[in-house]
Amino acid sequence: MDALHQFVPTLDAGAVGAHVLEIQRCLREAGWESEVFSEHTRAPYEGRARPFTEYGASVPAGTDDIVLYHSAIGSNVADWLLDRRPRRLVVDYHNITPPEWFMAWEPPLAYGLGWGRAQLRTLGRRTRFGIADSAFNAGELEVAGVRRTAVLPILIPPESLHGPADAALVERLRARDGTRWVFVGRLAPNKQQHLLIAALSVFRRVYDPAATLVLVGASSSPAYEAALRRYGADLGLAEAVTLTGAVSDAVRNAYYAAADVFVCLSAHEGFCVPLLEAWHHRVPIVAAAAAAVPETLGGAGLLLPTTAATTVAAAVARVTQDRALADALRAAGTARAEVFSLERARARLMELAGALAGGLADRPATRWGSPAGAA
């Protein structure tokens, strides 16, 4: 029986954790042996992963096992795997934010990111094959020395997208006057939520004084979060900008359902799952052209060459005041979302898994194809 075992530093709620468990579910349904190993496992996934040191101990390690390591930050798991030198080591790269983004805000986190990027370079010398969420990430893998790469978009469980929204919250939000902006993502310097606040300030002065912004997501940096709150207050937006913190799927879905526009000014994204969520909820998108965002967006949103507050405000005004444009963006988003459907991603996973079992990771080469329409 073929075996593909996954290793991840921390299995927790979020896009990577859901991706890992979807891979396991898909492989097991196809008859593969597949375990998940981690150093830390957090709610709601308690019991879904084994301690990584059990591999080769209580869980036999076969010489033909495919060992898939998910890289997103520095970890003891990567060092442990590098020491063990599994023959079929494959890296699934979810992008590691350059540590410079966090150096002034959270030095310990910056250290972890730098550690992860250093480990990626070492992994690049030890493995012949890497999987990436996007062509943008595949390019970083190749720079790190991985000799053969393939793109596998994030596998998103259907319950994450299709779950219910908090109906009472939707009703309260829709009862408010003004244009409703939303962005979903961890509060982090690279996601540049401060630029969203600046753009909202311009929008309220020029287009709609009642407009509001909701920033949905937990914080990766308490210092940056505190600065965002001060900045909003200094601009007179304390009541117009909401920072939700970590929320349930139902609450997150409610913010999407009530939004008039999704605005993303992030400077560094390896894929940007919230774009898919916005499409599912038929929210038109305005986004800055940076990192993997143009690749994922694929024309199904208004793409901006700049994050200048006046330009962003004007773009949001155009989308929210032109019903025909907004409807066209919604239709484009629905079509684009099909490119990243779970069914297509699962088929791509099994194509890759079969090729890896057949020795793909043992042959040096360049990038191995790409899922149709994903780039």
Protein backbone atom coordinates (compact mmCIF):
# COMPACT_ATOMS: atom_id res chain seq x y z
CA MET A 1 0.00 0.00 0.00
CA ASP A 2 1.31 3.46 -0.90
CA ALA A 3 2.02 5.79 2.03
CA LEU A 4 2.20 9.58 2.19
CA HIS A 5 2.71 11.01 5.67
CA GLN A 6 2.52 14.72 6.44
CA PHE A 7 4.59 16.74 8.89
CA VAL A 8 3.64 20.22 10.07
CA PRO A 9 5.08 22.38 12.87
CA THR A 10 1.64 23.17 14.32
CA LEU A 11 -1.71 21.71 13.32
CA ASP A 12 -4.30 24.38 14.09
CA ALA A 13 -7.29 26.18 12.63
CA GLY A 14 -6.47 28.05 9.46
CA ALA A 15 -5.85 27.46 5.79
CA VAL A 16 -2.77 25.26 6.22
CA GLY A 17 -4.31 23.07 8.92
CA ALA A 18 -7.47 22.54 6.86
CA HIS A 19 -5.34 21.80 3.78
CA VAL A 20 -3.35 19.16 5.66
CA LEU A 21 -6.47 17.35 6.88
CA GLU A 22 -8.13 17.51 3.45
CA ILE A 23 -5.03 15.90 1.93
CA GLN A 24 -5.20 13.14 4.53
CA ARG A 25 -8.91 12.58 3.95
CA CYS A 26 -8.48 12.42 0.17
CA LEU A 27 -5.56 10.00 0.36
CA ARG A 28 -7.25 7.70 2.85
CA GLU A 29 -10.39 7.57 0.73
CA ALA A 30 -8.16 6.46 -2.16
CA GLY A 31 -6.64 3.66 -0.06
CA TRP A 32 -3.35 5.28 0.93
CA GLU A 33 -1.73 5.13 4.34
CA SER A 34 -1.60 8.68 5.61
CA GLU A 35 -0.80 10.02 9.06
CA VAL A 36 -0.29 13.61 10.22
CA PHE A 37 2.61 14.41 12.55
CA SER A 38 3.20 17.70 14.36
CA GLU A 39 5.07 19.27 17.23
CA HIS A 40 1.97 21.13 18.45
CA THR A 41 -1.73 20.42 17.90
CA ARG A 42 -4.33 23.02 18.85
CA ALA A 43 -8.09 23.37 18.97
CA PRO A 44 -10.18 22.30 17.19
CA TYR A 45 -7.82 19.59 15.92
CA GLU A 46 -6.84 17.86 19.16
CA GLY A 47 -6.20 14.19 18.47
CA ARG A 48 -5.87 14.67 14.69
CA ALA A 49 -2.05 14.54 14.65
CA ARG A 50 0.61 12.34 16.24
CA PRO A 51 3.79 13.68 17.87
CA PHE A 52 6.35 13.91 15.08
CA THR A 53 8.86 11.74 16.95
CA GLU A 54 6.48 8.77 16.67
CA TYR A 55 7.40 8.37 13.00
CA GLY A 56 9.85 5.50 12.82
CA ALA A 57 8.94 4.47 16.39
CA SER A 58 5.29 3.59 17.04
CA VAL A 59 4.51 4.32 13.36
CA PRO A 60 6.77 2.33 11.01
CA ALA A 61 8.83 4.35 8.53
CA GLY A 62 9.00 2.68 5.13
CA THR A 63 11.84 3.36 2.72
CA ASP A 64 9.31 4.15 -0.03
CA ASP A 65 7.16 6.44 2.14
CA ILE A 66 6.51 9.89 0.71
CA VAL A 67 7.26 12.33 3.54
CA LEU A 68 5.52 15.67 2.94
CA TYR A 69 6.71 18.59 5.06
CA HIS A 70 4.56 21.73 5.18
CA SER A 71 6.81 24.78 5.34
CA ALA A 72 5.46 28.08 6.71
CA ILE A 73 7.84 28.98 9.58
CA GLY A 74 10.98 27.67 11.27
CA SER A 75 10.44 24.51 13.29
CA ASN A 76 12.07 21.64 15.17
CA VAL A 77 10.11 19.31 12.89
CA ALA A 78 12.09 20.41 9.82
CA ASP A 79 15.42 19.95 11.61
CA TRP A 80 14.34 16.49 12.79
CA LEU A 81 13.39 15.44 9.26
CA LEU A 82 16.62 16.81 7.85
CA ASP A 83 18.55 14.69 10.35
CA ARG A 84 16.57 11.57 9.42
CA ARG A 85 17.07 12.09 5.66
CA PRO A 86 13.93 10.32 4.35
CA ARG A 87 14.52 9.14 0.78
CA ARG A 88 11.31 10.66 -0.59
CA LEU A 89 11.18 14.00 1.17
CA VAL A 90 8.82 16.52 -0.45
CA VAL A 91 8.21 20.12 0.66
CA ASP A 92 4.75 21.71 0.46
CA TYR A 93 5.58 25.43 0.61
CA HIS A 94 2.90 27.80 1.91
CA ASN A 95 5.22 30.81 1.83
CA ILE A 96 7.23 32.26 4.67
CA THR A 97 6.79 36.00 5.09
CA PRO A 98 10.16 37.77 4.82
CA PRO A 99 11.24 38.47 8.41
CA GLU A 100 11.90 42.13 7.65
CA TRP A 101 8.15 42.75 7.84
CA PHE A 102 8.11 41.81 11.54
CA MET A 103 11.53 42.93 12.72
CA ALA A 104 10.34 46.26 14.17
CA TRP A 105 7.11 44.81 15.56
CA GLU A 106 7.71 41.27 16.84
CA PRO A 107 11.43 40.30 16.89
CA PRO A 108 10.80 36.72 18.14
CA LEU A 109 8.41 36.09 15.25
CA ALA A 110 10.90 37.64 12.83
CA TYR A 111 13.48 35.14 14.15
CA GLY A 112 11.09 32.24 13.49
CA LEU A 113 10.46 33.44 9.95
CA GLY A 114 14.17 33.85 9.29
CA TRP A 115 14.79 30.39 10.71
CA GLY A 116 12.13 28.98 8.38
CA ARG A 117 13.67 30.60 5.31
CA ALA A 118 17.09 29.24 6.27
CA GLN A 119 15.59 25.77 6.71
CA LEU A 120 13.93 26.08 3.30
CA ARG A 121 17.34 26.58 1.69
CA THR A 122 18.64 23.47 3.46
CA LEU A 123 15.56 21.51 2.44
CA GLY A 124 16.13 22.70 -1.11
CA ARG A 125 19.48 20.88 -1.12
CA ARG A 126 17.98 17.69 0.34
CA THR A 127 14.83 17.21 -1.75
CA ARG A 128 14.29 16.95 -5.47
CA PHE A 129 10.62 17.89 -5.41
CA GLY A 130 8.50 20.66 -3.97
CA ILE A 131 4.80 21.47 -4.04
CA ALA A 132 3.58 25.06 -3.87
CA ASP A 133 0.20 26.76 -3.43
CA SER A 134 0.93 29.05 -6.39
CA ALA A 135 3.43 29.66 -9.16
CA PHE A 136 4.67 32.58 -7.04
CA ASN A 137 5.54 30.15 -4.24
CA ALA A 138 7.01 27.68 -6.72
CA GLY A 139 9.38 30.40 -7.86
CA GLU A 140 10.57 30.88 -4.27
CA LEU A 141 11.09 27.13 -3.96
CA GLU A 142 13.25 27.12 -7.06
CA VAL A 143 15.34 30.01 -5.72
CA ALA A 144 15.79 27.94 -2.55
CA GLY A 145 17.27 25.15 -4.66
CA VAL A 146 14.33 22.75 -5.12
CA ARG A 147 14.99 21.21 -8.51
CA ARG A 148 11.49 20.12 -9.47
CA THR A 149 8.22 21.82 -8.49
CA ALA A 150 4.48 21.56 -9.05
CA VAL A 151 1.54 23.75 -8.11
CA LEU A 152 -1.22 22.37 -5.87
CA PRO A 153 -3.68 25.08 -4.78
CA ILE A 154 -4.94 25.05 -1.21
CA LEU A 155 -7.56 22.36 -0.54
CA ILE A 156 -10.42 24.15 1.21
CA PRO A 157 -12.97 21.96 3.03
CA PRO A 158 -16.52 22.60 1.84
CA GLU A 159 -17.81 23.32 5.34
CA SER A 160 -15.45 26.28 5.56
CA LEU A 161 -16.99 28.00 2.54
CA HIS A 162 -20.52 26.68 2.61
CA GLY A 163 -21.22 26.91 6.33
CA PRO A 164 -23.97 29.19 7.64
CA ALA A 165 -23.53 32.86 8.48
CA ASP A 166 -24.62 34.35 11.80
CA ALA A 167 -28.02 35.63 10.65
CA ALA A 168 -28.52 38.05 13.53
CA LEU A 169 -25.14 39.66 12.88
CA VAL A 170 -25.86 39.96 9.16
CA GLU A 171 -29.11 41.75 9.96
CA ARG A 172 -27.39 44.18 12.34
CA LEU A 173 -24.62 44.95 9.87
CA ARG A 174 -26.98 45.53 6.97
CA ALA A 175 -29.04 47.90 9.06
CA ARG A 176 -26.12 50.33 9.24
CA ASP A 177 -25.85 53.22 6.80
CA GLY A 178 -22.79 53.59 4.62
CA THR A 179 -20.56 51.51 2.37
CA ARG A 180 -19.31 48.41 4.15
CA TRP A 181 -15.65 47.44 3.51
CA VAL A 182 -14.22 44.15 4.72
CA PHE A 183 -10.80 42.50 4.79
CA VAL A 184 -10.15 39.05 6.25
CA GLY A 185 -6.67 38.05 7.38
CA ARG A 186 -4.43 38.08 10.42
CA LEU A 187 -3.42 41.51 11.65
CA ALA A 188 0.14 41.61 10.35
CA PRO A 189 2.46 44.29 8.98
CA ASN A 190 2.81 42.57 5.59
CA LYS A 191 -0.98 42.61 5.16
CA GLN A 192 -0.88 46.38 5.54
CA GLN A 193 -4.19 46.93 7.31
CA HIS A 194 -2.94 50.45 8.10
CA LEU A 195 -3.25 51.28 4.40
CA LEU A 196 -6.88 50.15 4.47
CA ILE A 197 -7.54 52.56 7.33
CA ALA A 198 -5.86 55.38 5.40
CA ALA A 199 -7.91 54.61 2.28
CA LEU A 200 -11.13 54.50 4.30
CA SER A 201 -10.32 57.94 5.70
CA VAL A 202 -10.07 59.36 2.17
CA PHE A 203 -13.21 57.51 1.07
CA ARG A 204 -15.24 58.95 3.95
CA ARG A 205 -14.06 62.49 3.20
CA VAL A 206 -14.67 62.32 -0.55
CA TYR A 207 -17.36 59.72 -1.24
CA ASP A 208 -19.30 58.42 1.77
CA PRO A 209 -18.94 59.84 5.28
CA ALA A 210 -20.77 56.84 6.77
CA ALA A 211 -18.50 54.15 5.29
CA THR A 212 -17.08 51.52 7.66
CA LEU A 213 -14.27 48.97 7.61
CA VAL A 214 -14.19 45.58 9.34
CA LEU A 215 -10.83 43.85 9.79
CA VAL A 216 -11.61 40.20 10.49
CA GLY A 217 -8.93 37.99 11.99
CA ALA A 218 -6.68 37.23 14.91
CA SER A 219 -3.48 39.17 15.47
CA SER A 220 0.04 38.05 14.58
CA SER A 221 1.49 41.12 16.28
CA PRO A 222 0.08 42.80 19.40
CA ALA A 223 2.33 45.79 18.71
CA TYR A 224 1.00 46.21 15.19
CA GLU A 225 -2.59 45.76 16.40
CA ALA A 226 -2.10 48.49 19.02
CA ALA A 227 -0.65 50.79 16.34
CA LEU A 228 -3.66 50.15 14.11
CA ARG A 229 -6.02 51.12 16.90
CA ARG A 230 -4.07 54.31 17.60
CA TYR A 231 -3.93 55.18 13.93
CA GLY A 232 -7.67 54.75 13.51
CA ALA A 233 -8.34 56.91 16.55
CA ASP A 234 -5.92 59.61 15.33
CA LEU A 235 -7.83 59.77 12.03
CA GLY A 236 -11.16 60.03 13.84
CA LEU A 237 -12.18 56.53 12.74
CA ALA A 238 -12.45 54.78 16.10
CA GLU A 239 -16.16 54.09 15.51
CA ALA A 240 -15.75 53.37 11.80
CA VAL A 241 -13.06 50.65 11.99
CA THR A 242 -13.78 47.33 13.71
CA LEU A 243 -11.05 44.84 14.62
CA THR A 244 -12.87 41.60 15.35
CA GLY A 245 -10.08 39.39 16.62
CA ALA A 246 -10.44 35.64 16.12
CA VAL A 247 -13.99 34.69 15.14
CA SER A 248 -15.98 31.59 14.29
CA ASP A 249 -16.69 30.61 10.68
CA ALA A 250 -20.31 31.72 11.13
CA VAL A 251 -19.27 35.20 12.26
CA ARG A 252 -16.66 35.50 9.51
CA ASN A 253 -19.27 34.47 6.96
CA ALA A 254 -21.63 37.12 8.31
CA TYR A 255 -19.08 39.86 7.70
CA TYR A 256 -18.68 38.65 4.13
CA ALA A 257 -22.43 38.39 3.61
CA ALA A 258 -22.99 41.97 4.75
CA ALA A 259 -20.05 43.53 2.90
CA ASP A 260 -20.29 45.75 -0.16
CA VAL A 261 -16.64 45.27 -1.13
CA PHE A 262 -13.59 43.23 -0.14
CA VAL A 263 -10.40 45.29 -0.19
CA CYS A 264 -6.93 43.72 -0.03
CA LEU A 265 -3.76 45.84 0.09
CA SER A 266 -1.46 43.09 1.33
CA ALA A 267 2.16 43.28 0.18
CA HIS A 268 3.03 39.61 0.62
CA GLU A 269 0.65 36.70 0.05
CA GLY A 270 1.60 33.24 -1.12
CA PHE A 271 -1.96 32.49 -2.28
CA CYS A 272 -4.62 34.56 -0.41
CA VAL A 273 -7.46 32.23 0.51
CA PRO A 274 -9.82 35.12 1.49
CA LEU A 275 -10.15 35.95 -2.22
CA LEU A 276 -11.88 32.58 -2.67
CA GLU A 277 -14.09 33.25 0.34
CA ALA A 278 -15.11 36.65 -1.06
CA TRP A 279 -16.01 35.05 -4.39
CA HIS A 280 -18.12 32.45 -2.63
CA HIS A 281 -20.06 35.18 -0.86
CA ARG A 282 -20.32 37.18 -4.12
CA VAL A 283 -18.47 40.19 -2.73
CA PRO A 284 -16.68 42.25 -5.42
CA ILE A 285 -12.93 42.57 -4.87
CA VAL A 286 -10.51 45.49 -5.04
CA ALA A 287 -6.89 44.38 -4.56
CA ALA A 288 -3.35 45.65 -4.92
CA ALA A 289 -1.17 43.81 -7.44
CA ALA A 290 1.44 42.26 -5.14
CA ALA A 291 3.03 38.83 -4.66
CA ALA A 292 0.60 35.98 -5.53
CA VAL A 293 -2.57 38.11 -5.48
CA PRO A 294 -2.70 38.81 -9.26
CA GLU A 295 -2.15 35.11 -9.97
CA THR A 296 -4.95 33.98 -7.67
CA LEU A 297 -7.28 36.82 -8.64
CA GLY A 298 -6.93 36.03 -12.33
CA GLY A 299 -8.94 39.06 -13.47
CA ALA A 300 -11.89 38.37 -11.14
CA GLY A 301 -11.47 41.65 -9.29
CA LEU A 302 -10.30 45.21 -9.76
CA LEU A 303 -6.50 45.02 -9.59
CA LEU A 304 -4.60 48.17 -8.61
CA PRO A 305 -0.99 49.02 -9.44
CA THR A 306 -0.65 51.13 -6.28
CA THR A 307 -1.81 51.23 -2.66
CA ALA A 308 -2.13 55.04 -2.64
CA ALA A 309 -5.11 55.96 -0.48
CA THR A 310 -6.69 58.23 -3.11
CA THR A 311 -6.48 55.53 -5.79
CA VAL A 312 -7.88 52.84 -3.51
CA ALA A 313 -10.75 55.09 -2.42
CA ALA A 314 -11.59 55.95 -6.03
CA ALA A 315 -11.52 52.26 -7.02
CA VAL A 316 -13.85 51.31 -4.18
CA ALA A 317 -16.19 54.15 -5.14
CA ARG A 318 -16.27 52.93 -8.72
CA VAL A 319 -17.07 49.34 -7.72
CA THR A 320 -19.71 50.22 -5.14
CA GLN A 321 -21.43 52.92 -7.21
CA ASP A 322 -21.50 51.10 -10.56
CA ARG A 323 -23.92 48.21 -10.23
CA ALA A 324 -23.05 46.79 -13.65
CA LEU A 325 -19.36 46.66 -12.76
CA ALA A 326 -20.06 45.09 -9.37
CA ASP A 327 -22.28 42.45 -10.97
CA ALA A 328 -19.62 41.71 -13.60
CA LEU A 329 -17.01 41.24 -10.86
CA ARG A 330 -19.35 38.92 -8.94
CA ALA A 331 -19.90 36.80 -12.05
CA ALA A 332 -16.17 36.71 -12.78
CA GLY A 333 -15.52 35.68 -9.18
CA THR A 334 -18.00 32.81 -9.38
CA ALA A 335 -16.30 31.53 -12.53
CA ARG A 336 -12.81 31.97 -11.10
CA ALA A 337 -13.71 30.11 -7.92
CA GLU A 338 -14.38 27.00 -9.99
CA VAL A 339 -10.69 26.90 -10.94
CA PHE A 340 -9.92 26.33 -7.24
CA SER A 341 -12.82 23.99 -6.48
CA LEU A 342 -12.16 21.18 -4.01
CA GLU A 343 -12.95 18.61 -6.70
CA ARG A 344 -10.25 19.99 -9.01
CA ALA A 345 -7.76 20.32 -6.17
CA ARG A 346 -8.38 16.74 -5.04
CA ALA A 347 -7.87 15.49 -8.60
CA ARG A 348 -4.62 17.44 -8.80
CA LEU A 349 -3.49 15.99 -5.46
CA MET A 350 -4.08 12.42 -6.61
CA GLU A 351 -2.28 13.12 -9.89
CA LEU A 352 0.73 14.37 -7.93
CA ALA A 353 0.59 11.57 -5.37
CA GLY A 354 0.51 8.93 -8.09
CA ALA A 355 3.44 10.55 -9.87
CA LEU A 356 5.42 10.74 -6.62
CA ALA A 357 4.71 7.08 -5.86
CA GLY A 358 5.98 6.30 -9.37
CA GLY A 359 9.31 7.96 -8.66
CA LEU A 360 8.72 11.55 -9.79
CA ALA A 361 10.64 12.87 -6.78
CA ASP A 362 13.62 10.74 -7.73
CA ARG A 363 14.17 12.42 -11.12
CA PRO A 364 15.79 15.86 -11.46
CA ALA A 365 13.90 18.26 -13.72
CA THR A 366 12.19 21.65 -13.84
CA ARG A 367 8.66 22.68 -12.90
CA TRP A 368 6.22 19.83 -13.39
CA GLY A 369 3.18 21.21 -15.16
CA SER A 370 0.51 23.29 -13.45
CA PRO A 371 -3.18 22.75 -12.79
CA ALA A 372 -5.20 24.03 -15.74
CA GLY A 373 -6.29 27.60 -15.23
CA ALA A 374 -4.63 27.97 -11.84
CA ALA A 375 -2.03 30.48 -12.94
